């Protein structure tokens, strides 16, 4: 059975989802063989795409939803949430 999970996350970085953070998120997501997307204001992007993430221009304090499908969905979401919820 394919596992699908989602989690709402608050972006806490003081400068939002900037290039360095986006690169870390892509790197973390790429470790998993799951389909994983980020939803922000009705826009959906592949979390493994740095250009997709950067195109959203997400500022600090915004809520996003991570949706993952696959056997490692929960672990992938947890790793990405940890990055996005860090204030650095």
PDB file of N, CA and C in Angstrom:
ATOM      1  N   UNK A   1       0.837  -1.195   0.000  1.00  0.00           N
ATOM      2  CA  UNK A   1       0.000   0.000   0.000  1.00  0.00           C
ATOM      3  C   UNK A   1       0.876   1.251   0.000  1.00  0.00           C
ATOM      4  N   UNK A   2       0.571   2.178  -0.879  1.00  0.00           N
ATOM      5  CA  UNK A   2       1.322   3.430  -0.962  1.00  0.00           C
ATOM      6  C   UNK A   2       0.860   4.353   0.151  1.00  0.00           C
ATOM      7  N   UNK A   3       1.807   4.903   0.835  1.00  0.00           N
ATOM      8  CA  UNK A   3       1.511   5.762   1.974  1.00  0.00           C
ATOM      9  C   UNK A   3       1.516   7.225   1.538  1.00  0.00           C
ATOM     10  N   UNK A   4       0.462   7.962   1.906  1.00  0.00           N
ATOM     11  CA  UNK A   4       0.386   9.397   1.601  1.00  0.00           C
ATOM     12  C   UNK A   4       0.195  10.144   2.911  1.00  0.00           C
ATOM     13  N   UNK A   5       1.014  11.158   3.098  1.00  0.00           N
ATOM     14  CA  UNK A   5       0.935  11.961   4.317  1.00  0.00           C
ATOM     15  C   UNK A   5       1.029  13.430   3.957  1.00  0.00           C
ATOM     16  N   UNK A   6       0.528  14.262   4.856  1.00  0.00           N
ATOM     17  CA  UNK A   6       0.724  15.702   4.695  1.00  0.00           C
ATOM     18  C   UNK A   6       0.856  16.348   6.063  1.00  0.00           C
ATOM     19  N   UNK A   7       1.553  17.475   6.073  1.00  0.00           N
ATOM     20  CA  UNK A   7       1.785  18.191   7.316  1.00  0.00           C
ATOM     21  C   UNK A   7       1.851  19.688   7.032  1.00  0.00           C
ATOM     22  N   UNK A   8       1.167  20.450   7.869  1.00  0.00           N
ATOM     23  CA  UNK A   8       1.213  21.910   7.777  1.00  0.00           C
ATOM     24  C   UNK A   8       2.414  22.392   8.589  1.00  0.00           C
ATOM     25  N   UNK A   9       3.182  23.301   8.015  1.00  0.00           N
ATOM     26  CA  UNK A   9       4.423  23.761   8.624  1.00  0.00           C
ATOM     27  C   UNK A   9       4.480  25.283   8.582  1.00  0.00           C
ATOM     28  N   UNK A  10       4.995  25.869   9.651  1.00  0.00           N
ATOM     29  CA  UNK A  10       5.227  27.312   9.710  1.00  0.00           C
ATOM     30  C   UNK A  10       6.676  27.581   9.345  1.00  0.00           C
ATOM     31  N   UNK A  11       6.911  28.399   8.321  1.00  0.00           N
ATOM     32  CA  UNK A  11       8.271  28.761   7.914  1.00  0.00           C
ATOM     33  C   UNK A  11       8.794  29.782   8.914  1.00  0.00           C
ATOM     34  N   UNK A  12       9.822  29.389   9.679  1.00  0.00           N
ATOM     35  CA  UNK A  12      10.314  30.234  10.761  1.00  0.00           C
ATOM     36  C   UNK A  12      11.605  30.984  10.438  1.00  0.00           C
ATOM     37  N   UNK A  13      12.274  30.645   9.345  1.00  0.00           N
ATOM     38  CA  UNK A  13      13.519  31.324   8.991  1.00  0.00           C
ATOM     39  C   UNK A  13      13.271  32.824   8.924  1.00  0.00           C
ATOM     40  N   UNK A  14      14.176  33.602   9.505  1.00  0.00           N
ATOM     41  CA  UNK A  14      13.977  35.052   9.573  1.00  0.00           C
ATOM     42  C   UNK A  14      13.934  35.711   8.200  1.00  0.00           C
ATOM     43  N   UNK A  15      14.429  35.029   7.180  1.00  0.00           N
ATOM     44  CA  UNK A  15      14.367  35.586   5.822  1.00  0.00           C
ATOM     45  C   UNK A  15      13.497  34.728   4.898  1.00  0.00           C
ATOM     46  N   UNK A  16      12.681  33.875   5.483  1.00  0.00           N
ATOM     47  CA  UNK A  16      11.787  33.048   4.684  1.00  0.00           C
ATOM     48  C   UNK A  16      12.526  31.922   3.982  1.00  0.00           C
ATOM     49  N   UNK A  17      11.948  31.442   2.906  1.00  0.00           N
ATOM     50  CA  UNK A  17      12.537  30.333   2.156  1.00  0.00           C
ATOM     51  C   UNK A  17      13.529  30.904   1.142  1.00  0.00           C
ATOM     52  N   UNK A  18      14.728  31.209   1.612  1.00  0.00           N
ATOM     53  CA  UNK A  18      15.783  31.799   0.794  1.00  0.00           C
ATOM     54  C   UNK A  18      16.559  30.713   0.054  1.00  0.00           C
ATOM     55  N   UNK A  19      17.501  31.100  -0.801  1.00  0.00           N
ATOM     56  CA  UNK A  19      18.212  30.161  -1.660  1.00  0.00           C
ATOM     57  C   UNK A  19      18.944  29.075  -0.877  1.00  0.00           C
ATOM     58  N   UNK A  20      19.627  29.457   0.175  1.00  0.00           N
ATOM     59  CA  UNK A  20      20.389  28.480   0.957  1.00  0.00           C
ATOM     60  C   UNK A  20      19.468  27.455   1.617  1.00  0.00           C
ATOM     61  N   UNK A  21      18.379  27.919   2.193  1.00  0.00           N
ATOM     62  CA  UNK A  21      17.421  27.012   2.819  1.00  0.00           C
ATOM     63  C   UNK A  21      16.755  26.129   1.772  1.00  0.00           C
ATOM     64  N   UNK A  22      16.410  26.705   0.626  1.00  0.00           N
ATOM     65  CA  UNK A  22      15.789  25.923  -0.445  1.00  0.00           C
ATOM     66  C   UNK A  22      16.728  24.807  -0.895  1.00  0.00           C
ATOM     67  N   UNK A  23      18.013  25.106  -0.990  1.00  0.00           N
ATOM     68  CA  UNK A  23      18.991  24.086  -1.391  1.00  0.00           C
ATOM     69  C   UNK A  23      19.046  22.955  -0.368  1.00  0.00           C
ATOM     70  N   UNK A  24      18.989  23.288   0.915  1.00  0.00           N
ATOM     71  CA  UNK A  24      18.994  22.269   1.968  1.00  0.00           C
ATOM     72  C   UNK A  24      17.730  21.405   1.904  1.00  0.00           C
ATOM     73  N   UNK A  25      16.601  22.041   1.623  1.00  0.00           N
ATOM     74  CA  UNK A  25      15.331  21.312   1.523  1.00  0.00           C
ATOM     75  C   UNK A  25      15.376  20.338   0.340  1.00  0.00           C
ATOM     76  N   UNK A  26      15.868  20.808  -0.809  1.00  0.00           N
ATOM     77  CA  UNK A  26      15.979  19.949  -1.993  1.00  0.00           C
ATOM     78  C   UNK A  26      16.909  18.777  -1.707  1.00  0.00           C
ATOM     79  N   UNK A  27      18.027  19.064  -1.059  1.00  0.00           N
ATOM     80  CA  UNK A  27      18.988  18.007  -0.730  1.00  0.00           C
ATOM     81  C   UNK A  27      18.355  16.965   0.199  1.00  0.00           C
ATOM     82  N   UNK A  28      17.633  17.420   1.203  1.00  0.00           N
ATOM     83  CA  UNK A  28      16.967  16.497   2.130  1.00  0.00           C
ATOM     84  C   UNK A  28      15.907  15.673   1.405  1.00  0.00           C
ATOM     85  N   UNK A  29      15.102  16.308   0.568  1.00  0.00           N
ATOM     86  CA  UNK A  29      14.024  15.609  -0.144  1.00  0.00           C
ATOM     87  C   UNK A  29      14.576  14.585  -1.127  1.00  0.00           C
ATOM     88  N   UNK A  30      15.710  14.895  -1.717  1.00  0.00           N
ATOM     89  CA  UNK A  30      16.289  14.018  -2.733  1.00  0.00           C
ATOM     90  C   UNK A  30      16.813  12.705  -2.164  1.00  0.00           C
ATOM     91  N   UNK A  31      16.943  12.615  -0.858  1.00  0.00           N
ATOM     92  CA  UNK A  31      17.396  11.375  -0.224  1.00  0.00           C
ATOM     93  C   UNK A  31      16.317  10.297  -0.232  1.00  0.00           C
ATOM     94  N   UNK A  32      15.092  10.682  -0.510  1.00  0.00           N
ATOM     95  CA  UNK A  32      13.959   9.765  -0.392  1.00  0.00           C
ATOM     96  C   UNK A  32      13.324   9.477  -1.750  1.00  0.00           C
ATOM     97  N   UNK A  33      12.908   8.231  -1.915  1.00  0.00           N
ATOM     98  CA  UNK A  33      12.222   7.850  -3.152  1.00  0.00           C
ATOM     99  C   UNK A  33      10.713   8.013  -2.955  1.00  0.00           C
ATOM    100  N   UNK A  34      10.314   9.264  -2.745  1.00  0.00           N
ATOM    101  CA  UNK A  34       8.907   9.611  -2.562  1.00  0.00           C
ATOM    102  C   UNK A  34       8.568  10.779  -3.480  1.00  0.00           C
ATOM    103  N   UNK A  35       7.304  10.900  -3.814  1.00  0.00           N
ATOM    104  CA  UNK A  35       6.821  12.099  -4.496  1.00  0.00           C
ATOM    105  C   UNK A  35       6.487  13.079  -3.389  1.00  0.00           C
ATOM    106  N   UNK A  36       7.078  14.269  -3.448  1.00  0.00           N
ATOM    107  CA  UNK A  36       6.872  15.222  -2.357  1.00  0.00           C
ATOM    108  C   UNK A  36       6.683  16.621  -2.921  1.00  0.00           C
ATOM    109  N   UNK A  37       5.602  17.257  -2.484  1.00  0.00           N
ATOM    110  CA  UNK A  37       5.242  18.580  -2.976  1.00  0.00           C
ATOM    111  C   UNK A  37       5.040  19.548  -1.818  1.00  0.00           C
ATOM    112  N   UNK A  38       5.214  20.817  -2.119  1.00  0.00           N
ATOM    113  CA  UNK A  38       4.954  21.884  -1.166  1.00  0.00           C
ATOM    114  C   UNK A  38       3.793  22.704  -1.719  1.00  0.00           C
ATOM    115  N   UNK A  39       2.815  22.970  -0.881  1.00  0.00           N
ATOM    116  CA  UNK A  39       1.638  23.743  -1.288  1.00  0.00           C
ATOM    117  C   UNK A  39       1.666  25.070  -0.540  1.00  0.00           C
ATOM    118  N   UNK A  40       1.556  26.174  -1.302  1.00  0.00           N
ATOM    119  CA  UNK A  40       1.563  27.516  -0.719  1.00  0.00           C
ATOM    120  C   UNK A  40       0.629  28.395  -1.545  1.00  0.00           C
ATOM    121  N   UNK A  41      -0.405  28.928  -0.928  1.00  0.00           N
ATOM    122  CA  UNK A  41      -1.397  29.783  -1.621  1.00  0.00           C
ATOM    123  C   UNK A  41      -1.870  29.155  -2.929  1.00  0.00           C
ATOM    124  N   UNK A  42      -2.336  27.934  -2.879  1.00  0.00           N
ATOM    125  CA  UNK A  42      -2.882  27.216  -4.036  1.00  0.00           C
ATOM    126  C   UNK A  42      -1.855  26.914  -5.121  1.00  0.00           C
ATOM    127  N   UNK A  43      -0.576  27.160  -4.863  1.00  0.00           N
ATOM    128  CA  UNK A  43       0.478  26.788  -5.801  1.00  0.00           C
ATOM    129  C   UNK A  43       1.145  25.520  -5.265  1.00  0.00           C
ATOM    130  N   UNK A  44       1.403  24.585  -6.157  1.00  0.00           N
ATOM    131  CA  UNK A  44       2.016  23.315  -5.783  1.00  0.00           C
ATOM    132  C   UNK A  44       3.316  23.160  -6.563  1.00  0.00           C
ATOM    133  N   UNK A  45       4.421  22.910  -5.830  1.00  0.00           N
ATOM    134  CA  UNK A  45       5.705  22.694  -6.498  1.00  0.00           C
ATOM    135  C   UNK A  45       6.357  21.420  -5.965  1.00  0.00           C
ATOM    136  N   UNK A  46       7.173  20.826  -6.794  1.00  0.00           N
ATOM    137  CA  UNK A  46       7.956  19.658  -6.418  1.00  0.00           C
ATOM    138  C   UNK A  46       9.065  20.119  -5.471  1.00  0.00           C
ATOM    139  N   UNK A  47       9.145  19.526  -4.305  1.00  0.00           N
ATOM    140  CA  UNK A  47      10.138  19.929  -3.305  1.00  0.00           C
ATOM    141  C   UNK A  47      11.560  19.601  -3.768  1.00  0.00           C
ATOM    142  N   UNK A  48      11.702  18.741  -4.744  1.00  0.00           N
ATOM    143  CA  UNK A  48      13.029  18.396  -5.256  1.00  0.00           C
ATOM    144  C   UNK A  48      13.498  19.373  -6.323  1.00  0.00           C
ATOM    145  N   UNK A  49      12.728  20.441  -6.563  1.00  0.00           N
ATOM    146  CA  UNK A  49      13.062  21.464  -7.559  1.00  0.00           C
ATOM    147  C   UNK A  49      13.390  22.782  -6.870  1.00  0.00           C
ATOM    148  N   UNK A  50      14.652  23.167  -6.886  1.00  0.00           N
ATOM    149  CA  UNK A  50      15.041  24.423  -6.236  1.00  0.00           C
ATOM    150  C   UNK A  50      14.374  25.622  -6.915  1.00  0.00           C
ATOM    151  N   UNK A  51      14.247  25.582  -8.225  1.00  0.00           N
ATOM    152  CA  UNK A  51      13.594  26.693  -8.928  1.00  0.00           C
ATOM    153  C   UNK A  51      12.122  26.787  -8.549  1.00  0.00           C
ATOM    154  N   UNK A  52      11.488  25.636  -8.401  1.00  0.00           N
ATOM    155  CA  UNK A  52      10.091  25.627  -7.978  1.00  0.00           C
ATOM    156  C   UNK A  52       9.924  26.255  -6.607  1.00  0.00           C
ATOM    157  N   UNK A  53      10.781  25.850  -5.664  1.00  0.00           N
ATOM    158  CA  UNK A  53      10.706  26.411  -4.311  1.00  0.00           C
ATOM    159  C   UNK A  53      10.975  27.911  -4.311  1.00  0.00           C
ATOM    160  N   UNK A  54      12.007  28.337  -5.022  1.00  0.00           N
ATOM    161  CA  UNK A  54      12.367  29.755  -5.053  1.00  0.00           C
ATOM    162  C   UNK A  54      11.271  30.599  -5.708  1.00  0.00           C
ATOM    163  N   UNK A  55      10.556  30.018  -6.668  1.00  0.00           N
ATOM    164  CA  UNK A  55       9.510  30.769  -7.370  1.00  0.00           C
ATOM    165  C   UNK A  55       8.359  31.163  -6.449  1.00  0.00           C
ATOM    166  N   UNK A  56       8.215  30.476  -5.319  1.00  0.00           N
ATOM    167  CA  UNK A  56       7.122  30.773  -4.397  1.00  0.00           C
ATOM    168  C   UNK A  56       7.385  32.001  -3.536  1.00  0.00           C
ATOM    169  N   UNK A  57       8.658  32.372  -3.346  1.00  0.00           N
ATOM    170  CA  UNK A  57       9.036  33.546  -2.542  1.00  0.00           C
ATOM    171  C   UNK A  57       8.309  33.569  -1.192  1.00  0.00           C
ATOM    172  N   UNK A  58       8.447  32.498  -0.433  1.00  0.00           N
ATOM    173  CA  UNK A  58       7.738  32.362   0.835  1.00  0.00           C
ATOM    174  C   UNK A  58       8.449  33.149   1.935  1.00  0.00           C
ATOM    175  N   UNK A  59       7.769  34.127   2.539  1.00  0.00           N
ATOM    176  CA  UNK A  59       8.376  34.909   3.612  1.00  0.00           C
ATOM    177  C   UNK A  59       8.256  34.215   4.974  1.00  0.00           C
ATOM    178  N   UNK A  60       8.969  34.736   5.947  1.00  0.00           N
ATOM    179  CA  UNK A  60       8.887  34.219   7.320  1.00  0.00           C
ATOM    180  C   UNK A  60       7.452  34.319   7.823  1.00  0.00           C
ATOM    181  N   UNK A  61       7.062  33.324   8.612  1.00  0.00           N
ATOM    182  CA  UNK A  61       5.757  33.360   9.257  1.00  0.00           C
ATOM    183  C   UNK A  61       4.607  32.820   8.437  1.00  0.00           C
ATOM    184  N   UNK A  62       4.892  32.316   7.260  1.00  0.00           N
ATOM    185  CA  UNK A  62       3.835  31.758   6.403  1.00  0.00           C
ATOM    186  C   UNK A  62       3.687  30.265   6.645  1.00  0.00           C
ATOM    187  N   UNK A  63       2.474  29.781   6.503  1.00  0.00           N
ATOM    188  CA  UNK A  63       2.204  28.354   6.599  1.00  0.00           C
ATOM    189  C   UNK A  63       2.264  27.729   5.216  1.00  0.00           C
ATOM    190  N   UNK A  64       2.880  26.555   5.148  1.00  0.00           N
ATOM    191  CA  UNK A  64       2.919  25.769   3.923  1.00  0.00           C
ATOM    192  C   UNK A  64       2.476  24.355   4.282  1.00  0.00           C
ATOM    193  N   UNK A  65       2.109  23.592   3.287  1.00  0.00           N
ATOM    194  CA  UNK A  65       1.753  22.195   3.511  1.00  0.00           C
ATOM    195  C   UNK A  65       2.684  21.334   2.673  1.00  0.00           C
ATOM    196  N   UNK A  66       3.265  20.324   3.311  1.00  0.00           N
ATOM    197  CA  UNK A  66       4.101  19.348   2.620  1.00  0.00           C
ATOM    198  C   UNK A  66       3.258  18.091   2.429  1.00  0.00           C
ATOM    199  N   UNK A  67       3.212  17.594   1.197  1.00  0.00           N
ATOM    200  CA  UNK A  67       2.456  16.388   0.878  1.00  0.00           C
ATOM    201  C   UNK A  67       3.429  15.387   0.258  1.00  0.00           C
ATOM    202  N   UNK A  68       3.503  14.198   0.849  1.00  0.00           N
ATOM    203  CA  UNK A  68       4.428  13.178   0.352  1.00  0.00           C
ATOM    204  C   UNK A  68       3.697  11.859   0.159  1.00  0.00           C
ATOM    205  N   UNK A  69       4.084  11.158  -0.897  1.00  0.00           N
ATOM    206  CA  UNK A  69       3.512   9.854  -1.203  1.00  0.00           C
ATOM    207  C   UNK A  69       4.645   8.864  -1.425  1.00  0.00           C
ATOM    208  N   UNK A  70       4.627   7.785  -0.660  1.00  0.00           N
ATOM    209  CA  UNK A  70       5.648   6.748  -0.795  1.00  0.00           C
ATOM    210  C   UNK A  70       5.925   6.107   0.551  1.00  0.00           C
ATOM    211  N   UNK A  71       6.721   5.060   0.531  1.00  0.00           N
ATOM    212  CA  UNK A  71       7.008   4.312   1.753  1.00  0.00           C
ATOM    213  C   UNK A  71       7.729   5.136   2.817  1.00  0.00           C
ATOM    214  N   UNK A  72       8.516   6.118   2.404  1.00  0.00           N
ATOM    215  CA  UNK A  72       9.277   6.933   3.345  1.00  0.00           C
ATOM    216  C   UNK A  72       8.674   8.324   3.534  1.00  0.00           C
ATOM    217  N   UNK A  73       7.390   8.458   3.256  1.00  0.00           N
ATOM    218  CA  UNK A  73       6.726   9.762   3.300  1.00  0.00           C
ATOM    219  C   UNK A  73       6.870  10.438   4.654  1.00  0.00           C
ATOM    220  N   UNK A  74       6.639   9.708   5.733  1.00  0.00           N
ATOM    221  CA  UNK A  74       6.694  10.314   7.063  1.00  0.00           C
ATOM    222  C   UNK A  74       8.094  10.830   7.394  1.00  0.00           C
ATOM    223  N   UNK A  75       9.110  10.045   7.119  1.00  0.00           N
ATOM    224  CA  UNK A  75      10.485  10.451   7.403  1.00  0.00           C
ATOM    225  C   UNK A  75      10.881  11.658   6.554  1.00  0.00           C
ATOM    226  N   UNK A  76      10.502  11.647   5.280  1.00  0.00           N
ATOM    227  CA  UNK A  76      10.822  12.767   4.385  1.00  0.00           C
ATOM    228  C   UNK A  76      10.175  14.054   4.887  1.00  0.00           C
ATOM    229  N   UNK A  77       8.916  13.988   5.265  1.00  0.00           N
ATOM    230  CA  UNK A  77       8.217  15.170   5.770  1.00  0.00           C
ATOM    231  C   UNK A  77       8.861  15.663   7.061  1.00  0.00           C
ATOM    232  N   UNK A  78       9.209  14.754   7.948  1.00  0.00           N
ATOM    233  CA  UNK A  78       9.843  15.156   9.209  1.00  0.00           C
ATOM    234  C   UNK A  78      11.157  15.884   8.971  1.00  0.00           C
ATOM    235  N   UNK A  79      11.978  15.373   8.043  1.00  0.00           N
ATOM    236  CA  UNK A  79      13.263  16.016   7.747  1.00  0.00           C
ATOM    237  C   UNK A  79      13.074  17.415   7.158  1.00  0.00           C
ATOM    238  N   UNK A  80      12.133  17.554   6.255  1.00  0.00           N
ATOM    239  CA  UNK A  80      11.883  18.851   5.626  1.00  0.00           C
ATOM    240  C   UNK A  80      11.265  19.822   6.625  1.00  0.00           C
ATOM    241  N   UNK A  81      10.354  19.335   7.450  1.00  0.00           N
ATOM    242  CA  UNK A  81       9.739  20.193   8.473  1.00  0.00           C
ATOM    243  C   UNK A  81      10.789  20.728   9.435  1.00  0.00           C
ATOM    244  N   UNK A  82      11.734  19.892   9.799  1.00  0.00           N
ATOM    245  CA  UNK A  82      12.798  20.324  10.712  1.00  0.00           C
ATOM    246  C   UNK A  82      13.591  21.495  10.122  1.00  0.00           C
ATOM    247  N   UNK A  83      13.863  21.443   8.837  1.00  0.00           N
ATOM    248  CA  UNK A  83      14.589  22.533   8.176  1.00  0.00           C
ATOM    249  C   UNK A  83      13.749  23.806   8.120  1.00  0.00           C
ATOM    250  N   UNK A  84      12.484  23.681   7.721  1.00  0.00           N
ATOM    251  CA  UNK A  84      11.633  24.847   7.541  1.00  0.00           C
ATOM    252  C   UNK A  84      11.242  25.489   8.874  1.00  0.00           C
ATOM    253  N   UNK A  85      11.203  24.698   9.936  1.00  0.00           N
ATOM    254  CA  UNK A  85      10.800  25.232  11.231  1.00  0.00           C
ATOM    255  C   UNK A  85      11.976  25.764  12.055  1.00  0.00           C
ATOM    256  N   UNK A  86      13.171  25.690  11.495  1.00  0.00           N
ATOM    257  CA  UNK A  86      14.363  26.225  12.161  1.00  0.00           C
ATOM    258  C   UNK A  86      14.426  27.727  11.890  1.00  0.00           C
ATOM    259  N   UNK A  87      14.734  28.520  12.893  1.00  0.00           N
ATOM    260  CA  UNK A  87      14.755  29.975  12.735  1.00  0.00           C
ATOM    261  C   UNK A  87      16.001  30.502  12.027  1.00  0.00           C
ATOM    262  N   UNK A  88      16.972  29.647  11.752  1.00  0.00           N
ATOM    263  CA  UNK A  88      18.216  30.090  11.078  1.00  0.00           C
ATOM    264  C   UNK A  88      17.970  30.485   9.663  1.00  0.00           C
TER     265      UNK A  88
END
